[in-house]
Amino acid sequence: MKIKDLEINGITFLAPLAGITNLPFRQLIKDCGCAVVCSEMISAKGIFYNSEKTITLLKSQKTERPLSVQIFGSDPVSMGQAAAFIDDLGTADIIDINFGCSVRKVIKQGAGVALMKDPALARKILKAVRNATSLPFTIKIRSGWDTFGDQAVNLAKIAEDQGVDAIAFHPRSAAQGFRGKADWKLIARLKQAIRIPVIGNGDIITPQDAGEMFSQTGCDAVMVGRAAMANPFILSQIEQYVAHGTFTRPEPWAIFRKMEALIQGYVTYFGETTACRMLRGRLAWFIRGLPGAAGFRKQLSTLVSSAQARDMIRDFEAGIKD
């Protein structure tokens, strides 16, 4: 598929996840076969005021390209300036706007899914960002503030009119958060309503789920978030399944090598102390279902060094082999 003039070599996108889709995690997912990775949600105001913490979120590597950078905010001026700043950096291939975050502190700013109640403001923001950059431009939306999807279709048409090049759609309402079921019928409805590519999102836990979403909705690509935290190989498995009707499950040793790669990436990016504190939770994602996983998770609570983490992984691996 293509987004504007950007050729996408695949049909899988990593969803932006606050506190999760940092540079080392994106690099891991890219190495596991994802077509397009996405940054964490980044505050346009933070870029506008040159916040060091915000600017750090924009760090990238060529090996993770193509990269989508997602911004959020409710002020057209700062949103346009943030898009121009990202464009000038030269590290992003796509600029995305979040119209779907339902976290209270984001909604209080009038950003995220709050914008789906204000189409006039949404139009101004879309126009400001489109005028600020020639990069491929996408948005990520929900069904809106009810379950019917009318707000999603209306916003998508406005977006298409303002030069947005593709839309990622998570068909849950603002009130649902991540509860209940995503209504894939709304993805099919949106696909029929607009001409630009639609990226389906929501309730993709297995490669078979992705296959069903393509079949039921006619979407152009799929976006996976939380499932990639437990199985970083799921994006390449989806590519395999859609192409061939089957997919390869990783051997435990492959999972352990990716865990070691994540350790190195975290230490390089965050520094050893912060990395190890974060990895106490992160490394546990990868070993669900393996024998001895509960004991390994308990050990992780004592993690204080990368050397200790690697030793724990190798001991765990040796125990499985025995």
C-alpha atoms as a PDB file:
ATOM      1  CA  MET A   1       0.000   0.000   0.000  1.00  0.00           C
ATOM      2  CA  LYS A   2       0.974   3.652  -0.325  1.00  0.00           C
ATOM      3  CA  ILE A   3       0.367   6.573   2.005  1.00  0.00           C
ATOM      4  CA  LYS A   4       0.670   9.622  -0.211  1.00  0.00           C
ATOM      5  CA  ASP A   5       3.977   8.925  -2.004  1.00  0.00           C
ATOM      6  CA  LEU A   6       5.381   6.630   0.701  1.00  0.00           C
ATOM      7  CA  GLU A   7       5.512   2.990  -0.357  1.00  0.00           C
ATOM      8  CA  ILE A   8       4.738   0.719   2.618  1.00  0.00           C
ATOM      9  CA  ASN A   9       6.431  -2.661   2.379  1.00  0.00           C
ATOM     10  CA  GLY A  10       3.798  -4.624   4.243  1.00  0.00           C
ATOM     11  CA  ILE A  11       0.371  -4.404   5.861  1.00  0.00           C
ATOM     12  CA  THR A  12       1.191  -4.040   9.569  1.00  0.00           C
ATOM     13  CA  PHE A  13       1.494  -0.956  11.785  1.00  0.00           C
ATOM     14  CA  LEU A  14       2.545  -0.741  15.425  1.00  0.00           C
ATOM     15  CA  ALA A  15       0.048   1.352  17.371  1.00  0.00           C
ATOM     16  CA  PRO A  16       1.315   4.285  19.445  1.00  0.00           C
ATOM     17  CA  LEU A  17       1.315   3.322  23.134  1.00  0.00           C
ATOM     18  CA  ALA A  18       2.118   5.853  25.844  1.00  0.00           C
ATOM     19  CA  GLY A  19       5.163   4.810  27.845  1.00  0.00           C
ATOM     20  CA  ILE A  20       5.692   1.753  25.629  1.00  0.00           C
ATOM     21  CA  THR A  21       6.532   2.604  22.020  1.00  0.00           C
ATOM     22  CA  ASN A  22       9.826   4.296  22.817  1.00  0.00           C
ATOM     23  CA  LEU A  23      12.839   3.977  20.512  1.00  0.00           C
ATOM     24  CA  PRO A  24      14.225   0.637  21.827  1.00  0.00           C
ATOM     25  CA  PHE A  25      10.794  -1.018  21.774  1.00  0.00           C
ATOM     26  CA  ARG A  26      10.086   0.272  18.266  1.00  0.00           C
ATOM     27  CA  GLN A  27      13.447  -1.041  17.107  1.00  0.00           C
ATOM     28  CA  LEU A  28      12.636  -4.463  18.565  1.00  0.00           C
ATOM     29  CA  ILE A  29       9.250  -4.571  16.828  1.00  0.00           C
ATOM     30  CA  LYS A  30      10.798  -3.423  13.557  1.00  0.00           C
ATOM     31  CA  ASP A  31      13.429  -6.163  13.805  1.00  0.00           C
ATOM     32  CA  CYS A  32      10.578  -8.649  14.293  1.00  0.00           C
ATOM     33  CA  GLY A  33       9.014  -7.734  10.957  1.00  0.00           C
ATOM     34  CA  CYS A  34       6.648  -4.778  11.424  1.00  0.00           C
ATOM     35  CA  ALA A  35       6.117  -2.623   8.328  1.00  0.00           C
ATOM     36  CA  VAL A  36       5.592   0.731  10.106  1.00  0.00           C
ATOM     37  CA  VAL A  37       6.314   1.626  13.728  1.00  0.00           C
ATOM     38  CA  CYS A  38       4.854   4.614  15.568  1.00  0.00           C
ATOM     39  CA  SER A  39       6.182   6.840  18.324  1.00  0.00           C
ATOM     40  CA  GLU A  40       4.536   7.431  21.640  1.00  0.00           C
ATOM     41  CA  MET A  41       1.910  10.172  21.662  1.00  0.00           C
ATOM     42  CA  ILE A  42       3.900  13.440  21.767  1.00  0.00           C
ATOM     43  CA  SER A  43       2.591  16.763  23.043  1.00  0.00           C
ATOM     44  CA  ALA A  44       2.595  19.543  20.435  1.00  0.00           C
ATOM     45  CA  LYS A  45       2.803  22.074  23.273  1.00  0.00           C
ATOM     46  CA  GLY A  46       5.867  20.221  24.592  1.00  0.00           C
ATOM     47  CA  ILE A  47       7.533  20.651  21.206  1.00  0.00           C
ATOM     48  CA  PHE A  48       6.365  24.280  21.043  1.00  0.00           C
ATOM     49  CA  TYR A  49       7.985  25.041  24.412  1.00  0.00           C
ATOM     50  CA  ASN A  50      11.074  22.935  23.622  1.00  0.00           C
ATOM     51  CA  SER A  51      10.528  20.558  26.543  1.00  0.00           C
ATOM     52  CA  GLU A  52      13.619  18.381  26.929  1.00  0.00           C
ATOM     53  CA  LYS A  53      11.506  15.355  27.891  1.00  0.00           C
ATOM     54  CA  THR A  54       9.293  15.827  24.840  1.00  0.00           C
ATOM     55  CA  ILE A  55      12.176  16.367  22.427  1.00  0.00           C
ATOM     56  CA  THR A  56      13.786  13.149  23.715  1.00  0.00           C
ATOM     57  CA  LEU A  57      10.702  11.254  22.507  1.00  0.00           C
ATOM     58  CA  LEU A  58      11.568  12.326  18.956  1.00  0.00           C
ATOM     59  CA  LYS A  59      14.878  10.464  18.913  1.00  0.00           C
ATOM     60  CA  SER A  60      15.015   7.942  16.096  1.00  0.00           C
ATOM     61  CA  GLN A  61      17.277   5.595  14.170  1.00  0.00           C
ATOM     62  CA  LYS A  62      17.401   4.941  10.442  1.00  0.00           C
ATOM     63  CA  THR A  63      16.941   1.215  11.074  1.00  0.00           C
ATOM     64  CA  GLU A  64      13.392   1.741  12.376  1.00  0.00           C
ATOM     65  CA  ARG A  65      12.158   3.593   9.298  1.00  0.00           C
ATOM     66  CA  PRO A  66       9.551   4.118   8.107  1.00  0.00           C
ATOM     67  CA  LEU A  67       8.549   5.876  11.328  1.00  0.00           C
ATOM     68  CA  SER A  68       5.236   7.539  12.103  1.00  0.00           C
ATOM     69  CA  VAL A  69       5.381  10.292  14.739  1.00  0.00           C
ATOM     70  CA  GLN A  70       2.102  10.975  16.531  1.00  0.00           C
ATOM     71  CA  ILE A  71       1.315  14.366  18.027  1.00  0.00           C
ATOM     72  CA  PHE A  72      -1.607  15.546  20.121  1.00  0.00           C
ATOM     73  CA  GLY A  73      -3.022  18.906  21.135  1.00  0.00           C
ATOM     74  CA  SER A  74      -5.965  21.251  20.672  1.00  0.00           C
ATOM     75  CA  ASP A  75      -4.295  24.446  19.422  1.00  0.00           C
ATOM     76  CA  PRO A  76      -3.980  24.723  15.633  1.00  0.00           C
ATOM     77  CA  VAL A  77      -0.951  27.033  15.830  1.00  0.00           C
ATOM     78  CA  SER A  78       1.164  24.806  18.090  1.00  0.00           C
ATOM     79  CA  MET A  79       0.057  21.691  16.195  1.00  0.00           C
ATOM     80  CA  GLY A  80       1.190  23.214  12.910  1.00  0.00           C
ATOM     81  CA  GLN A  81       4.483  24.354  14.406  1.00  0.00           C
ATOM     82  CA  ALA A  82       5.063  20.903  15.919  1.00  0.00           C
ATOM     83  CA  ALA A  83       4.487  19.290  12.517  1.00  0.00           C
ATOM     84  CA  ALA A  84       6.932  21.700  10.888  1.00  0.00           C
ATOM     85  CA  PHE A  85       9.529  20.999  13.598  1.00  0.00           C
ATOM     86  CA  ILE A  86       9.215  17.241  13.087  1.00  0.00           C
ATOM     87  CA  ASP A  87       9.448  17.666   9.322  1.00  0.00           C
ATOM     88  CA  ASP A  88      12.628  19.723   9.710  1.00  0.00           C
ATOM     89  CA  LEU A  89      14.211  17.039  11.906  1.00  0.00           C
ATOM     90  CA  GLY A  90      14.096  14.659   8.957  1.00  0.00           C
ATOM     91  CA  THR A  91      13.565  11.534  11.070  1.00  0.00           C
ATOM     92  CA  ALA A  92       9.823  10.974  10.506  1.00  0.00           C
ATOM     93  CA  ASP A  93       8.229   9.477   7.408  1.00  0.00           C
ATOM     94  CA  ILE A  94       4.634  10.090   8.541  1.00  0.00           C
ATOM     95  CA  ILE A  95       3.039  12.646  10.844  1.00  0.00           C
ATOM     96  CA  ASP A  96      -0.025  11.402  12.700  1.00  0.00           C
ATOM     97  CA  ILE A  97      -2.544  13.227  14.885  1.00  0.00           C
ATOM     98  CA  ASN A  98      -4.224  11.522  17.810  1.00  0.00           C
ATOM     99  CA  PHE A  99      -8.001  11.943  17.722  1.00  0.00           C
ATOM    100  CA  GLY A 100      -8.628   8.828  19.803  1.00  0.00           C
ATOM    101  CA  CYS A 101      -6.984   9.066  23.228  1.00  0.00           C
ATOM    102  CA  SER A 102      -9.660   8.865  25.926  1.00  0.00           C
ATOM    103  CA  VAL A 103      -7.379   9.436  28.927  1.00  0.00           C
ATOM    104  CA  ARG A 104      -8.917  12.078  31.179  1.00  0.00           C
ATOM    105  CA  LYS A 105      -5.926  14.436  31.311  1.00  0.00           C
ATOM    106  CA  VAL A 106      -5.782  14.519  27.490  1.00  0.00           C
ATOM    107  CA  ILE A 107      -9.522  15.102  27.148  1.00  0.00           C
ATOM    108  CA  LYS A 108      -9.326  17.958  29.696  1.00  0.00           C
ATOM    109  CA  GLN A 109      -6.939  19.718  27.304  1.00  0.00           C
ATOM    110  CA  GLY A 110      -9.527  19.427  24.557  1.00  0.00           C
ATOM    111  CA  ALA A 111      -7.251  16.990  22.720  1.00  0.00           C
ATOM    112  CA  GLY A 112      -7.507  13.337  21.696  1.00  0.00           C
ATOM    113  CA  VAL A 113     -11.042  12.067  21.352  1.00  0.00           C
ATOM    114  CA  ALA A 114     -12.397  15.385  22.690  1.00  0.00           C
ATOM    115  CA  LEU A 115     -11.744  16.818  19.239  1.00  0.00           C
ATOM    116  CA  MET A 116     -14.272  14.417  17.744  1.00  0.00           C
ATOM    117  CA  LYS A 117     -16.979  16.537  19.421  1.00  0.00           C
ATOM    118  CA  ASP A 118     -15.655  19.709  17.803  1.00  0.00           C
ATOM    119  CA  PRO A 119     -15.413  19.241  14.030  1.00  0.00           C
ATOM    120  CA  ALA A 120     -14.772  22.952  13.429  1.00  0.00           C
ATOM    121  CA  LEU A 121     -11.669  22.920  15.626  1.00  0.00           C
ATOM    122  CA  ALA A 122     -10.628  19.572  14.194  1.00  0.00           C
ATOM    123  CA  ARG A 123     -10.774  21.062  10.704  1.00  0.00           C
ATOM    124  CA  LYS A 124      -8.559  24.004  11.759  1.00  0.00           C
ATOM    125  CA  ILE A 125      -5.982  21.646  13.261  1.00  0.00           C
ATOM    126  CA  LEU A 126      -5.957  19.434  10.187  1.00  0.00           C
ATOM    127  CA  LYS A 127      -5.548  22.434   7.907  1.00  0.00           C
ATOM    128  CA  ALA A 128      -2.713  23.854  10.049  1.00  0.00           C
ATOM    129  CA  VAL A 129      -0.783  20.580  10.036  1.00  0.00           C
ATOM    130  CA  ARG A 130      -1.344  19.953   6.330  1.00  0.00           C
ATOM    131  CA  ASN A 131      -0.087  23.454   5.529  1.00  0.00           C
ATOM    132  CA  ALA A 132       2.970  22.947   7.739  1.00  0.00           C
ATOM    133  CA  THR A 133       4.325  19.762   6.159  1.00  0.00           C
ATOM    134  CA  SER A 134       4.473  17.859   2.910  1.00  0.00           C
ATOM    135  CA  LEU A 135       5.092  14.571   4.724  1.00  0.00           C
ATOM    136  CA  PRO A 136       2.473  11.825   4.504  1.00  0.00           C
ATOM    137  CA  PHE A 137      -0.218  12.802   7.007  1.00  0.00           C
ATOM    138  CA  THR A 138      -2.485  10.408   8.930  1.00  0.00           C
ATOM    139  CA  ILE A 139      -4.869  10.517  11.872  1.00  0.00           C
ATOM    140  CA  LYS A 140      -5.965   7.915  14.416  1.00  0.00           C
ATOM    141  CA  ILE A 141      -9.589   8.040  15.527  1.00  0.00           C
ATOM    142  CA  ARG A 142     -12.204   6.207  17.584  1.00  0.00           C
ATOM    143  CA  SER A 143     -15.868   5.721  16.782  1.00  0.00           C
ATOM    144  CA  GLY A 144     -16.523   8.929  18.752  1.00  0.00           C
ATOM    145  CA  TRP A 145     -18.574   9.605  21.858  1.00  0.00           C
ATOM    146  CA  ASP A 146     -21.229   7.039  21.014  1.00  0.00           C
ATOM    147  CA  THR A 147     -21.139   3.589  19.478  1.00  0.00           C
ATOM    148  CA  PHE A 148     -22.821   4.497  16.183  1.00  0.00           C
ATOM    149  CA  GLY A 149     -19.720   5.744  14.366  1.00  0.00           C
ATOM    150  CA  ASP A 150     -21.305   8.853  12.828  1.00  0.00           C
ATOM    151  CA  GLN A 151     -18.660  11.120  14.348  1.00  0.00           C
ATOM    152  CA  ALA A 152     -15.922   8.904  12.935  1.00  0.00           C
ATOM    153  CA  VAL A 153     -17.339   9.063   9.419  1.00  0.00           C
ATOM    154  CA  ASN A 154     -17.868  12.834   9.650  1.00  0.00           C
ATOM    155  CA  LEU A 155     -14.333  13.454  10.906  1.00  0.00           C
ATOM    156  CA  ALA A 156     -12.871  11.125   8.282  1.00  0.00           C
ATOM    157  CA  LYS A 157     -14.582  13.064   5.500  1.00  0.00           C
ATOM    158  CA  ILE A 158     -13.302  16.353   6.917  1.00  0.00           C
ATOM    159  CA  ALA A 159      -9.818  14.836   7.161  1.00  0.00           C
ATOM    160  CA  GLU A 160      -9.894  13.614   3.579  1.00  0.00           C
ATOM    161  CA  ASP A 161     -11.025  17.048   2.447  1.00  0.00           C
ATOM    162  CA  GLN A 162      -8.124  18.671   4.332  1.00  0.00           C
ATOM    163  CA  GLY A 163      -5.487  16.480   2.713  1.00  0.00           C
ATOM    164  CA  VAL A 164      -5.077  13.649   5.223  1.00  0.00           C
ATOM    165  CA  ASP A 165      -3.555  10.663   3.433  1.00  0.00           C
ATOM    166  CA  ALA A 166      -4.776   7.701   5.573  1.00  0.00           C
ATOM    167  CA  ILE A 167      -6.823   7.013   8.700  1.00  0.00           C
ATOM    168  CA  ALA A 168      -6.278   4.464  11.469  1.00  0.00           C
ATOM    169  CA  PHE A 169      -9.592   3.536  13.066  1.00  0.00           C
ATOM    170  CA  HIS A 170     -10.170   1.949  16.479  1.00  0.00           C
ATOM    171  CA  PRO A 171     -13.935   1.350  16.555  1.00  0.00           C
ATOM    172  CA  ARG A 172     -14.594   1.766  20.256  1.00  0.00           C
ATOM    173  CA  SER A 173     -16.298   4.786  21.781  1.00  0.00           C
ATOM    174  CA  ALA A 174     -14.643   7.253  24.135  1.00  0.00           C
ATOM    175  CA  ALA A 175     -16.616   5.800  27.043  1.00  0.00           C
ATOM    176  CA  GLN A 176     -15.511   2.246  26.263  1.00  0.00           C
ATOM    177  CA  GLY A 177     -11.803   2.919  26.578  1.00  0.00           C
ATOM    178  CA  PHE A 178     -10.411  -0.553  25.913  1.00  0.00           C
ATOM    179  CA  ARG A 179     -13.441  -2.365  27.342  1.00  0.00           C
ATOM    180  CA  GLY A 180     -16.028  -4.305  25.406  1.00  0.00           C
ATOM    181  CA  LYS A 181     -15.571  -5.333  21.797  1.00  0.00           C
ATOM    182  CA  ALA A 182     -14.351  -3.257  18.904  1.00  0.00           C
ATOM    183  CA  ASP A 183     -17.126  -2.971  16.309  1.00  0.00           C
ATOM    184  CA  TRP A 184     -15.384  -4.006  13.105  1.00  0.00           C
ATOM    185  CA  LYS A 185     -18.545  -3.260  11.091  1.00  0.00           C
ATOM    186  CA  LEU A 186     -17.706   0.420  11.588  1.00  0.00           C
ATOM    187  CA  ILE A 187     -14.334  -0.106   9.907  1.00  0.00           C
ATOM    188  CA  ALA A 188     -16.137  -1.537   6.884  1.00  0.00           C
ATOM    189  CA  ARG A 189     -18.509   1.439   6.918  1.00  0.00           C
ATOM    190  CA  LEU A 190     -15.621   3.913   7.046  1.00  0.00           C
ATOM    191  CA  LYS A 191     -13.808   2.122   4.245  1.00  0.00           C
ATOM    192  CA  GLN A 192     -16.861   2.610   2.040  1.00  0.00           C
ATOM    193  CA  ALA A 193     -17.220   6.279   2.998  1.00  0.00           C
ATOM    194  CA  ILE A 194     -13.743   7.551   2.027  1.00  0.00           C
ATOM    195  CA  ARG A 195     -11.201   7.022  -0.729  1.00  0.00           C
ATOM    196  CA  ILE A 196      -7.964   7.173   1.279  1.00  0.00           C
ATOM    197  CA  PRO A 197      -6.483   4.055   2.952  1.00  0.00           C
ATOM    198  CA  VAL A 198      -8.040   2.786   6.197  1.00  0.00           C
ATOM    199  CA  ILE A 199      -5.927   1.019   8.801  1.00  0.00           C
ATOM    200  CA  GLY A 200      -8.009  -1.215  11.069  1.00  0.00           C
ATOM    201  CA  ASN A 201      -7.273  -1.387  14.802  1.00  0.00           C
ATOM    202  CA  GLY A 202      -8.830  -3.135  17.770  1.00  0.00           C
ATOM    203  CA  ASP A 203      -9.045  -6.686  19.153  1.00  0.00           C
ATOM    204  CA  ILE A 204      -6.256  -8.153  17.033  1.00  0.00           C
ATOM    205  CA  ILE A 205      -4.703 -10.702  19.386  1.00  0.00           C
ATOM    206  CA  THR A 206      -3.673 -13.384  16.880  1.00  0.00           C
ATOM    207  CA  PRO A 207      -2.704 -13.466  13.195  1.00  0.00           C
ATOM    208  CA  GLN A 208      -6.057 -15.117  12.519  1.00  0.00           C
ATOM    209  CA  ASP A 209      -7.808 -12.080  14.018  1.00  0.00           C
ATOM    210  CA  ALA A 210      -6.015  -9.866  11.521  1.00  0.00           C
ATOM    211  CA  GLY A 211      -7.072 -12.138   8.686  1.00  0.00           C
ATOM    212  CA  GLU A 212     -10.688 -11.862   9.860  1.00  0.00           C
ATOM    213  CA  MET A 213     -10.456  -8.080  10.053  1.00  0.00           C
ATOM    214  CA  PHE A 214      -9.217  -7.867   6.467  1.00  0.00           C
ATOM    215  CA  SER A 215     -11.987 -10.220   5.348  1.00  0.00           C
ATOM    216  CA  GLN A 216     -14.793  -8.479   7.232  1.00  0.00           C
ATOM    217  CA  THR A 217     -13.827  -4.852   6.661  1.00  0.00           C
ATOM    218  CA  GLY A 218     -11.788  -4.547   3.463  1.00  0.00           C
ATOM    219  CA  CYS A 219      -9.272  -2.398   5.343  1.00  0.00           C
ATOM    220  CA  ASP A 220      -5.914  -1.684   3.706  1.00  0.00           C
ATOM    221  CA  ALA A 221      -3.692  -2.548   6.682  1.00  0.00           C
ATOM    222  CA  VAL A 222      -3.963  -3.450  10.357  1.00  0.00           C
ATOM    223  CA  MET A 223      -2.574  -1.783  13.470  1.00  0.00           C
ATOM    224  CA  VAL A 224      -1.599  -3.790  16.556  1.00  0.00           C
ATOM    225  CA  GLY A 225      -0.825  -2.404  19.988  1.00  0.00           C
ATOM    226  CA  ARG A 226      -1.108  -4.388  23.193  1.00  0.00           C
ATOM    227  CA  ALA A 227      -0.705  -7.799  21.531  1.00  0.00           C
ATOM    228  CA  ALA A 228       2.752  -6.752  20.321  1.00  0.00           C
ATOM    229  CA  MET A 229       3.848  -6.225  23.931  1.00  0.00           C
ATOM    230  CA  ALA A 230       3.502  -9.938  24.675  1.00  0.00           C
ATOM    231  CA  ASN A 231       4.432 -11.194  21.205  1.00  0.00           C
ATOM    232  CA  PRO A 232       6.725  -8.878  19.224  1.00  0.00           C
ATOM    233  CA  PHE A 233       6.634 -11.417  16.376  1.00  0.00           C
ATOM    234  CA  ILE A 234       2.887 -10.972  15.808  1.00  0.00           C
ATOM    235  CA  LEU A 235       3.359  -8.354  13.080  1.00  0.00           C
ATOM    236  CA  SER A 236       5.471 -10.659  10.900  1.00  0.00           C
ATOM    237  CA  GLN A 237       3.111 -13.530  11.733  1.00  0.00           C
ATOM    238  CA  ILE A 238       0.217 -11.450  10.408  1.00  0.00           C
ATOM    239  CA  GLU A 239       2.137 -10.763   7.203  1.00  0.00           C
ATOM    240  CA  GLN A 240       2.762 -14.522   6.835  1.00  0.00           C
ATOM    241  CA  TYR A 241      -0.809 -15.527   7.636  1.00  0.00           C
ATOM    242  CA  VAL A 242      -2.453 -13.077   5.245  1.00  0.00           C
ATOM    243  CA  ALA A 243      -0.077 -14.067   2.441  1.00  0.00           C
ATOM    244  CA  HIS A 244       0.028 -17.831   2.963  1.00  0.00           C
ATOM    245  CA  GLY A 245      -2.697 -18.879   5.441  1.00  0.00           C
ATOM    246  CA  THR A 246      -0.140 -20.048   7.984  1.00  0.00           C
ATOM    247  CA  PHE A 247       2.572 -18.561  10.172  1.00  0.00           C
ATOM    248  CA  THR A 248       5.659 -19.571  12.122  1.00  0.00           C
ATOM    249  CA  ARG A 249       5.734 -19.507  15.914  1.00  0.00           C
ATOM    250  CA  PRO A 250       9.067 -18.395  17.393  1.00  0.00           C
ATOM    251  CA  GLU A 251      11.185 -20.905  19.276  1.00  0.00           C
ATOM    252  CA  PRO A 252      11.917 -19.981  22.922  1.00  0.00           C
ATOM    253  CA  TRP A 253      15.548 -19.200  22.077  1.00  0.00           C
ATOM    254  CA  ALA A 254      14.407 -16.542  19.584  1.00  0.00           C
ATOM    255  CA  ILE A 255      12.285 -14.932  22.287  1.00  0.00           C
ATOM    256  CA  PHE A 256      15.226 -14.905  24.704  1.00  0.00           C
ATOM    257  CA  ARG A 257      17.510 -13.247  22.142  1.00  0.00           C
ATOM    258  CA  LYS A 258      14.919 -10.503  21.630  1.00  0.00           C
ATOM    259  CA  MET A 259      14.707 -10.028  25.395  1.00  0.00           C
ATOM    260  CA  GLU A 260      18.478  -9.541  25.480  1.00  0.00           C
ATOM    261  CA  ALA A 261      18.259  -7.072  22.592  1.00  0.00           C
ATOM    262  CA  LEU A 262      15.614  -5.099  24.485  1.00  0.00           C
ATOM    263  CA  ILE A 263      17.850  -4.974  27.557  1.00  0.00           C
ATOM    264  CA  GLN A 264      20.691  -3.481  25.539  1.00  0.00           C
ATOM    265  CA  GLY A 265      18.362  -1.030  23.837  1.00  0.00           C
ATOM    266  CA  TYR A 266      16.842   0.141  27.118  1.00  0.00           C
ATOM    267  CA  VAL A 267      20.228   0.570  28.806  1.00  0.00           C
ATOM    268  CA  THR A 268      21.556   2.602  25.868  1.00  0.00           C
ATOM    269  CA  TYR A 269      18.449   4.799  25.739  1.00  0.00           C
ATOM    270  CA  PHE A 270      17.501   5.228  29.412  1.00  0.00           C
ATOM    271  CA  GLY A 271      20.695   4.425  31.312  1.00  0.00           C
ATOM    272  CA  GLU A 272      21.223   1.314  33.425  1.00  0.00           C
ATOM    273  CA  THR A 273      19.328   2.281  36.596  1.00  0.00           C
ATOM    274  CA  THR A 274      16.164   3.524  34.894  1.00  0.00           C
ATOM    275  CA  ALA A 275      16.289   0.738  32.310  1.00  0.00           C
ATOM    276  CA  CYS A 276      16.446  -2.017  34.918  1.00  0.00           C
ATOM    277  CA  ARG A 277      13.581  -0.526  36.890  1.00  0.00           C
ATOM    278  CA  MET A 278      11.445  -0.479  33.723  1.00  0.00           C
ATOM    279  CA  LEU A 279      12.564  -3.924  32.569  1.00  0.00           C
ATOM    280  CA  ARG A 280      11.246  -5.537  35.743  1.00  0.00           C
ATOM    281  CA  GLY A 281       7.839  -5.292  34.139  1.00  0.00           C
ATOM    282  CA  ARG A 282       8.742  -5.285  30.460  1.00  0.00           C
ATOM    283  CA  LEU A 283      10.691  -8.568  30.348  1.00  0.00           C
ATOM    284  CA  ALA A 284       7.777 -10.413  31.932  1.00  0.00           C
ATOM    285  CA  TRP A 285       5.692  -9.741  28.800  1.00  0.00           C
ATOM    286  CA  PHE A 286       7.680 -12.155  26.685  1.00  0.00           C
ATOM    287  CA  ILE A 287       7.614 -15.337  28.768  1.00  0.00           C
ATOM    288  CA  ARG A 288       3.898 -15.823  29.343  1.00  0.00           C
ATOM    289  CA  GLY A 289       2.957 -19.461  28.963  1.00  0.00           C
ATOM    290  CA  LEU A 290       6.493 -20.786  29.274  1.00  0.00           C
ATOM    291  CA  PRO A 291       7.242 -23.262  32.087  1.00  0.00           C
ATOM    292  CA  GLY A 292       8.679 -21.468  35.103  1.00  0.00           C
ATOM    293  CA  ALA A 293       7.347 -18.057  34.025  1.00  0.00           C
ATOM    294  CA  ALA A 294       5.926 -17.251  37.473  1.00  0.00           C
ATOM    295  CA  GLY A 295       9.287 -17.820  39.144  1.00  0.00           C
ATOM    296  CA  PHE A 296      11.055 -15.708  36.525  1.00  0.00           C
ATOM    297  CA  ARG A 297       8.615 -12.839  37.084  1.00  0.00           C
ATOM    298  CA  LYS A 298       9.305 -13.004  40.809  1.00  0.00           C
ATOM    299  CA  GLN A 299      13.059 -12.839  40.179  1.00  0.00           C
ATOM    300  CA  LEU A 300      12.595  -9.758  38.014  1.00  0.00           C
ATOM    301  CA  SER A 301      11.517  -7.760  41.074  1.00  0.00           C
ATOM    302  CA  THR A 302      15.161  -7.874  42.218  1.00  0.00           C
ATOM    303  CA  LEU A 303      16.620  -6.661  38.917  1.00  0.00           C
ATOM    304  CA  VAL A 304      19.304  -3.977  39.344  1.00  0.00           C
ATOM    305  CA  SER A 305      21.748  -4.518  36.452  1.00  0.00           C
ATOM    306  CA  SER A 306      21.761  -5.536  32.824  1.00  0.00           C
ATOM    307  CA  ALA A 307      24.305  -8.279  33.567  1.00  0.00           C
ATOM    308  CA  GLN A 308      21.918  -9.721  36.150  1.00  0.00           C
ATOM    309  CA  ALA A 309      19.075  -9.589  33.615  1.00  0.00           C
ATOM    310  CA  ARG A 310      21.093 -11.491  31.017  1.00  0.00           C
ATOM    311  CA  ASP A 311      22.111 -14.109  33.610  1.00  0.00           C
ATOM    312  CA  MET A 312      18.477 -14.567  34.634  1.00  0.00           C
ATOM    313  CA  ILE A 313      17.426 -15.064  31.013  1.00  0.00           C
ATOM    314  CA  ARG A 314      20.167 -17.610  30.351  1.00  0.00           C
ATOM    315  CA  ASP A 315      19.336 -19.529  33.537  1.00  0.00           C
ATOM    316  CA  PHE A 316      15.680 -19.529  32.549  1.00  0.00           C
ATOM    317  CA  GLU A 317      16.551 -20.725  29.051  1.00  0.00           C
ATOM    318  CA  ALA A 318      18.771 -23.499  30.429  1.00  0.00           C
ATOM    319  CA  GLY A 319      15.938 -24.643  32.704  1.00  0.00           C
ATOM    320  CA  ILE A 320      13.573 -24.975  29.750  1.00  0.00           C
ATOM    321  CA  LYS A 321      16.152 -26.992  27.783  1.00  0.00           C
ATOM    322  CA  ASP A 322      16.611 -29.360  30.724  1.00  0.00           C
END
